[in-house]
Amino acid sequence: MYHVSFPGLGMEFEINREAFKIGDFSVYWYGILIGAGFLLAVLFAVLNIKRFGLNSEDFFDCVLAGLIFGIIGARAFFVIFRWEDYSQDIWKIFDIHSGGLAIYGGIIGGLGAACIVAKRKKMNIPAMLDIGGMGFLIGQGIGRWGNFINQEAFGTETDLPWRMVSENTGGIGVHPCFLYESIWCLVGFGVLLLISFKWRKFDGQMFLMYLVWYGFERMLVEGLRTDSLYTPLFGLRVSQVISAVVVVIGIVLLIINFKKAKAQKPLHTIY
């Protein structure tokens, strides 16, 4: 049980990480919220898949592969950069129930597996990535509230009106980084959804915009967090380095593809 407050806003909460039990097995809100975000992303795909010219059966094969390898990738990414915590007890690697997942590892693992399946089924991979990227924004926007329930992934000390205080913050006001990212992702989904209806010029555009949108925010917010993973060289934050690279690559590819799109016939979106 956590006692959480936002003193500048006059708000207080009591939070229990455990939602309910099935026998001796505890079900936590973190997992429920992650699951809810995933299901909403899938619902978005179901409602929009024809608009992107994709076959639903093939797409859901990609989703299944992405889900499995996304979890594996998220865990592997975290373990690699926290190896000192697992080197003496390898079996701890499989204790996902205790936490330790990295979003970029999940994105790399999930998208990598989905692209392999899509290639084998001869799908339009850029269009598949468009739906995937927008779905990620839904999942991340909802899933970040799991960090609030767990009282983790918060930032450095601050006296801003929306500062958050709890036992896990040591009783001091900190940046609620989960909130920053949740709002940014959900607003980003709305922006990209509008663009996908009005100004989508080429397959892959929405995915590249997702990379730039999310990468820009993560690059900034990661600098506030107190639980970052670090590179072994120069002490750089892993997520900031990846985000910076992703943003630059995304912008360059958007410029290149927009120029190509101008010279080609307009993209015919299926409604």
Protein backbone atom coordinates (compact mmCIF):
# COMPACT_ATOMS: atom_id res chain seq x y z
CA MET A 1 0.00 0.00 0.00
CA TYR A 2 1.37 3.41 -1.00
CA HIS A 3 0.24 6.80 0.24
CA VAL A 4 0.61 9.11 -2.74
CA SER A 5 -0.09 12.83 -2.84
CA PHE A 6 0.17 15.78 -5.19
CA PRO A 7 0.36 18.50 -2.52
CA GLY A 8 0.40 21.38 -4.99
CA LEU A 9 -2.91 20.16 -6.41
CA GLY A 10 -4.46 19.12 -3.09
CA MET A 11 -4.80 15.48 -4.16
CA GLU A 12 -4.12 12.34 -2.09
CA PHE A 13 -4.46 8.63 -2.90
CA GLU A 14 -3.96 5.28 -1.25
CA ILE A 15 -2.74 2.75 -3.79
CA ASN A 16 -2.59 -1.02 -3.52
CA ARG A 17 -0.41 -2.69 -6.17
CA GLU A 18 -2.44 -5.88 -5.88
CA ALA A 19 -5.78 -5.85 -7.69
CA PHE A 20 -7.03 -9.26 -6.53
CA LYS A 21 -5.95 -12.83 -5.84
CA ILE A 22 -6.74 -16.14 -7.49
CA GLY A 23 -5.88 -18.64 -4.79
CA ASP A 24 -2.30 -17.84 -3.81
CA PHE A 25 -1.62 -16.04 -7.09
CA SER A 26 -1.70 -12.24 -6.95
CA VAL A 27 -2.87 -10.20 -9.93
CA TYR A 28 -1.34 -6.72 -9.99
CA TRP A 29 -2.69 -3.50 -11.43
CA TYR A 30 0.52 -3.09 -13.42
CA GLY A 31 -0.24 -6.17 -15.48
CA ILE A 32 -3.89 -5.22 -15.85
CA LEU A 33 -2.99 -1.77 -17.18
CA ILE A 34 -0.40 -3.16 -19.58
CA GLY A 35 -2.98 -5.66 -20.79
CA ALA A 36 -5.62 -2.95 -21.17
CA GLY A 37 -3.24 -0.84 -23.26
CA PHE A 38 -2.45 -3.83 -25.47
CA LEU A 39 -6.14 -4.68 -25.98
CA LEU A 40 -7.01 -1.08 -26.87
CA ALA A 41 -4.17 -1.05 -29.39
CA VAL A 42 -5.52 -4.28 -30.91
CA LEU A 43 -9.02 -2.77 -31.03
CA PHE A 44 -7.62 0.22 -32.90
CA ALA A 45 -5.99 -2.18 -35.38
CA VAL A 46 -9.24 -4.10 -35.89
CA LEU A 47 -11.13 -0.89 -36.67
CA ASN A 48 -8.49 0.49 -39.03
CA ILE A 49 -6.75 -2.46 -40.65
CA LYS A 50 -8.68 -2.29 -43.93
CA ARG A 51 -7.99 1.43 -44.18
CA PHE A 52 -4.28 0.56 -44.36
CA GLY A 53 -4.88 -2.17 -46.94
CA LEU A 54 -3.93 -5.13 -44.71
CA ASN A 55 -5.35 -8.59 -44.17
CA SER A 56 -6.60 -9.07 -40.60
CA GLU A 57 -5.60 -12.74 -40.29
CA ASP A 58 -2.01 -12.07 -41.35
CA PHE A 59 -1.84 -8.97 -39.18
CA PHE A 60 -2.85 -10.85 -36.05
CA ASP A 61 -0.12 -13.39 -36.67
CA CYS A 62 2.25 -10.41 -36.51
CA VAL A 63 0.59 -9.22 -33.30
CA LEU A 64 1.03 -12.59 -31.61
CA ALA A 65 4.70 -12.81 -32.58
CA GLY A 66 5.21 -9.19 -31.53
CA LEU A 67 3.62 -9.78 -28.13
CA ILE A 68 5.76 -12.82 -27.32
CA PHE A 69 9.07 -11.41 -28.50
CA GLY A 70 8.22 -7.94 -27.21
CA ILE A 71 8.14 -9.32 -23.66
CA ILE A 72 11.34 -11.28 -24.27
CA GLY A 73 13.05 -8.24 -25.76
CA ALA A 74 11.94 -5.94 -22.95
CA ARG A 75 13.31 -8.30 -20.33
CA ALA A 76 16.54 -9.05 -22.21
CA PHE A 77 17.23 -5.33 -22.73
CA PHE A 78 16.79 -4.62 -19.01
CA VAL A 79 18.93 -7.58 -17.93
CA ILE A 80 21.77 -6.69 -20.31
CA PHE A 81 22.14 -3.21 -18.86
CA ARG A 82 21.65 -4.40 -15.28
CA TRP A 83 23.76 -7.54 -15.61
CA GLU A 84 25.42 -6.96 -12.24
CA ASP A 85 22.04 -7.65 -10.61
CA TYR A 86 21.68 -11.04 -12.31
CA SER A 87 25.19 -12.38 -12.85
CA GLN A 88 25.26 -14.16 -9.48
CA ASP A 89 21.79 -15.66 -9.83
CA ILE A 90 20.81 -16.45 -13.43
CA TRP A 91 17.36 -17.70 -12.43
CA LYS A 92 16.40 -14.15 -11.39
CA ILE A 93 16.30 -13.33 -15.10
CA PHE A 94 13.04 -15.26 -15.37
CA ASP A 95 11.46 -13.52 -12.38
CA ILE A 96 9.54 -10.99 -14.45
CA HIS A 97 6.87 -10.92 -11.73
CA SER A 98 9.27 -8.76 -9.69
CA GLY A 99 9.59 -6.19 -12.46
CA GLY A 100 12.34 -5.16 -14.85
CA LEU A 101 11.12 -4.48 -18.41
CA ALA A 102 12.56 -1.87 -20.77
CA ILE A 103 10.25 -0.29 -23.35
CA TYR A 104 12.87 0.06 -26.07
CA GLY A 105 13.74 -3.61 -25.75
CA GLY A 106 10.06 -4.42 -26.11
CA ILE A 107 9.74 -2.24 -29.21
CA ILE A 108 12.84 -3.75 -30.84
CA GLY A 109 11.86 -7.34 -30.02
CA GLY A 110 8.19 -6.92 -30.87
CA LEU A 111 8.67 -5.05 -34.15
CA GLY A 112 11.52 -7.30 -35.21
CA ALA A 113 9.40 -10.43 -34.80
CA ALA A 114 6.36 -8.79 -36.42
CA CYS A 115 8.42 -7.74 -39.45
CA ILE A 116 9.80 -11.27 -39.90
CA VAL A 117 6.28 -12.70 -39.89
CA ALA A 118 5.06 -9.95 -42.22
CA LYS A 119 7.88 -10.63 -44.67
CA ARG A 120 7.12 -14.35 -44.73
CA LYS A 121 3.48 -13.61 -45.44
CA LYS A 122 4.43 -11.03 -48.09
CA MET A 123 2.60 -8.25 -46.28
CA ASN A 124 3.06 -4.52 -46.79
CA ILE A 125 5.56 -4.06 -43.94
CA PRO A 126 5.54 -0.22 -43.87
CA ALA A 127 1.72 -0.21 -43.62
CA MET A 128 1.90 -2.81 -40.84
CA LEU A 129 4.40 -0.61 -39.01
CA ASP A 130 2.05 2.37 -39.37
CA ILE A 131 -0.65 0.58 -37.40
CA GLY A 132 1.92 -0.81 -34.97
CA GLY A 133 3.42 2.58 -34.20
CA MET A 134 0.05 4.17 -33.52
CA GLY A 135 -0.89 1.17 -31.39
CA PHE A 136 2.30 1.61 -29.38
CA LEU A 137 1.21 5.13 -28.46
CA ILE A 138 -2.06 3.76 -27.08
CA GLY A 139 -0.32 0.99 -25.17
CA GLN A 140 2.37 3.26 -23.75
CA GLY A 141 -0.11 5.98 -22.83
CA ILE A 142 -2.22 3.53 -20.80
CA GLY A 143 0.59 1.29 -19.59
CA ARG A 144 2.55 4.12 -17.98
CA TRP A 145 -0.11 4.31 -15.29
CA GLY A 146 1.22 0.98 -14.12
CA ASN A 147 4.36 2.89 -13.11
CA PHE A 148 2.16 5.19 -11.04
CA ILE A 149 0.61 2.21 -9.26
CA ASN A 150 4.07 0.76 -8.60
CA GLN A 151 5.45 4.19 -7.67
CA GLU A 152 8.42 3.83 -10.00
CA ALA A 153 9.91 5.56 -13.05
CA PHE A 154 9.60 8.98 -11.39
CA GLY A 155 12.02 11.86 -11.70
CA THR A 156 14.24 14.13 -9.69
CA GLU A 157 13.14 16.50 -6.94
CA THR A 158 10.96 19.43 -7.93
CA ASP A 159 8.69 22.04 -6.35
CA LEU A 160 6.34 22.31 -9.33
CA PRO A 161 2.60 22.33 -8.47
CA TRP A 162 2.13 18.82 -9.92
CA ARG A 163 4.99 17.24 -7.93
CA MET A 164 4.34 13.77 -6.57
CA VAL A 165 5.16 12.54 -3.04
CA SER A 166 5.09 9.00 -1.64
CA GLU A 167 7.06 6.53 0.45
CA ASN A 168 9.04 5.54 -2.65
CA THR A 169 10.07 9.13 -3.37
CA GLY A 170 11.48 9.44 0.14
CA GLY A 171 8.77 11.91 1.12
CA ILE A 172 10.01 14.58 -1.30
CA GLY A 173 8.24 16.05 -4.31
CA VAL A 174 9.41 14.57 -7.62
CA HIS A 175 8.56 14.81 -11.30
CA PRO A 176 5.74 12.37 -12.17
CA CYS A 177 7.47 11.15 -15.33
CA PHE A 178 4.81 8.51 -15.92
CA LEU A 179 2.28 11.32 -16.31
CA TYR A 180 4.43 13.29 -18.74
CA GLU A 181 4.86 10.26 -20.99
CA SER A 182 1.25 9.13 -20.74
CA ILE A 183 -0.09 12.52 -21.78
CA TRP A 184 2.48 12.87 -24.56
CA CYS A 185 1.68 9.43 -25.99
CA LEU A 186 -2.09 9.84 -25.90
CA VAL A 187 -1.91 13.31 -27.46
CA GLY A 188 0.49 11.88 -30.04
CA PHE A 189 -1.99 9.15 -30.89
CA GLY A 190 -4.67 11.76 -31.52
CA VAL A 191 -2.32 13.80 -33.71
CA LEU A 192 -1.19 10.81 -35.75
CA LEU A 193 -4.75 9.53 -36.11
CA LEU A 194 -5.81 12.85 -37.62
CA ILE A 195 -2.80 12.90 -39.93
CA SER A 196 -3.50 9.32 -41.03
CA PHE A 197 -6.94 10.40 -42.27
CA LYS A 198 -6.00 13.75 -43.79
CA TRP A 199 -2.33 13.88 -44.74
CA ARG A 200 -0.92 10.37 -45.05
CA LYS A 201 1.26 10.42 -48.15
CA PHE A 202 3.14 7.12 -48.04
CA ASP A 203 3.19 3.79 -46.24
CA GLY A 204 5.46 3.97 -43.23
CA GLN A 205 4.79 7.68 -42.64
CA MET A 206 2.88 7.16 -39.41
CA PHE A 207 5.54 4.83 -38.02
CA LEU A 208 8.32 7.31 -38.74
CA MET A 209 6.25 10.06 -37.12
CA TYR A 210 5.76 7.79 -34.12
CA LEU A 211 9.52 7.35 -33.82
CA VAL A 212 10.11 11.10 -33.92
CA TRP A 213 7.19 11.95 -31.61
CA TYR A 214 8.01 9.38 -28.94
CA GLY A 215 11.78 9.64 -29.30
CA PHE A 216 11.74 13.41 -28.75
CA GLU A 217 9.72 13.12 -25.54
CA ARG A 218 11.72 10.18 -24.17
CA MET A 219 14.98 11.96 -24.86
CA LEU A 220 13.86 14.83 -22.61
CA VAL A 221 11.95 13.00 -19.88
CA GLU A 222 14.62 10.32 -19.49
CA GLY A 223 16.96 13.06 -18.29
CA LEU A 224 14.65 13.61 -15.31
CA ARG A 225 14.38 9.98 -14.24
CA THR A 226 16.35 8.50 -11.35
CA ASP A 227 16.21 4.84 -12.47
CA SER A 228 17.76 5.06 -15.94
CA LEU A 229 19.80 2.31 -17.56
CA TYR A 230 23.30 3.52 -18.47
CA THR A 231 25.77 2.61 -21.20
CA PRO A 232 29.10 1.15 -20.03
CA LEU A 233 30.92 3.92 -21.88
CA PHE A 234 30.77 7.59 -20.89
CA GLY A 235 27.90 6.98 -18.45
CA LEU A 236 25.25 7.98 -20.99
CA ARG A 237 21.60 7.08 -20.45
CA VAL A 238 20.70 4.26 -22.81
CA SER A 239 17.21 5.54 -23.63
CA GLN A 240 18.46 9.05 -24.36
CA VAL A 241 21.08 7.76 -26.79
CA ILE A 242 18.57 5.52 -28.57
CA SER A 243 15.97 8.30 -28.64
CA ALA A 244 18.38 10.80 -30.17
CA VAL A 245 19.37 8.32 -32.88
CA VAL A 246 15.74 7.38 -33.54
CA VAL A 247 14.65 11.03 -33.87
CA VAL A 248 17.43 11.88 -36.33
CA ILE A 249 16.82 8.76 -38.44
CA GLY A 250 13.06 9.34 -38.37
CA ILE A 251 13.36 12.96 -39.54
CA VAL A 252 15.80 12.08 -42.32
CA LEU A 253 13.61 9.24 -43.61
CA LEU A 254 10.49 11.42 -43.45
CA ILE A 255 12.17 14.11 -45.57
CA ILE A 256 13.41 11.56 -48.10
CA ASN A 257 10.06 9.83 -48.40
CA PHE A 258 8.04 13.04 -48.60
CA LYS A 259 10.21 14.08 -51.56
CA LYS A 260 9.63 10.72 -53.20
CA ALA A 261 5.89 10.93 -52.54
CA LYS A 262 5.67 14.26 -54.35
CA ALA A 263 7.03 12.67 -57.48
CA GLN A 264 4.62 9.71 -57.35
CA LYS A 265 0.88 9.19 -57.55
CA PRO A 266 -1.08 9.98 -54.33
CA LEU A 267 -1.45 7.15 -51.82
CA HIS A 268 -4.87 5.57 -52.23
CA THR A 269 -6.11 4.82 -48.72
CA ILE A 270 -8.79 2.12 -48.51
CA TYR A 271 -11.94 3.14 -46.58
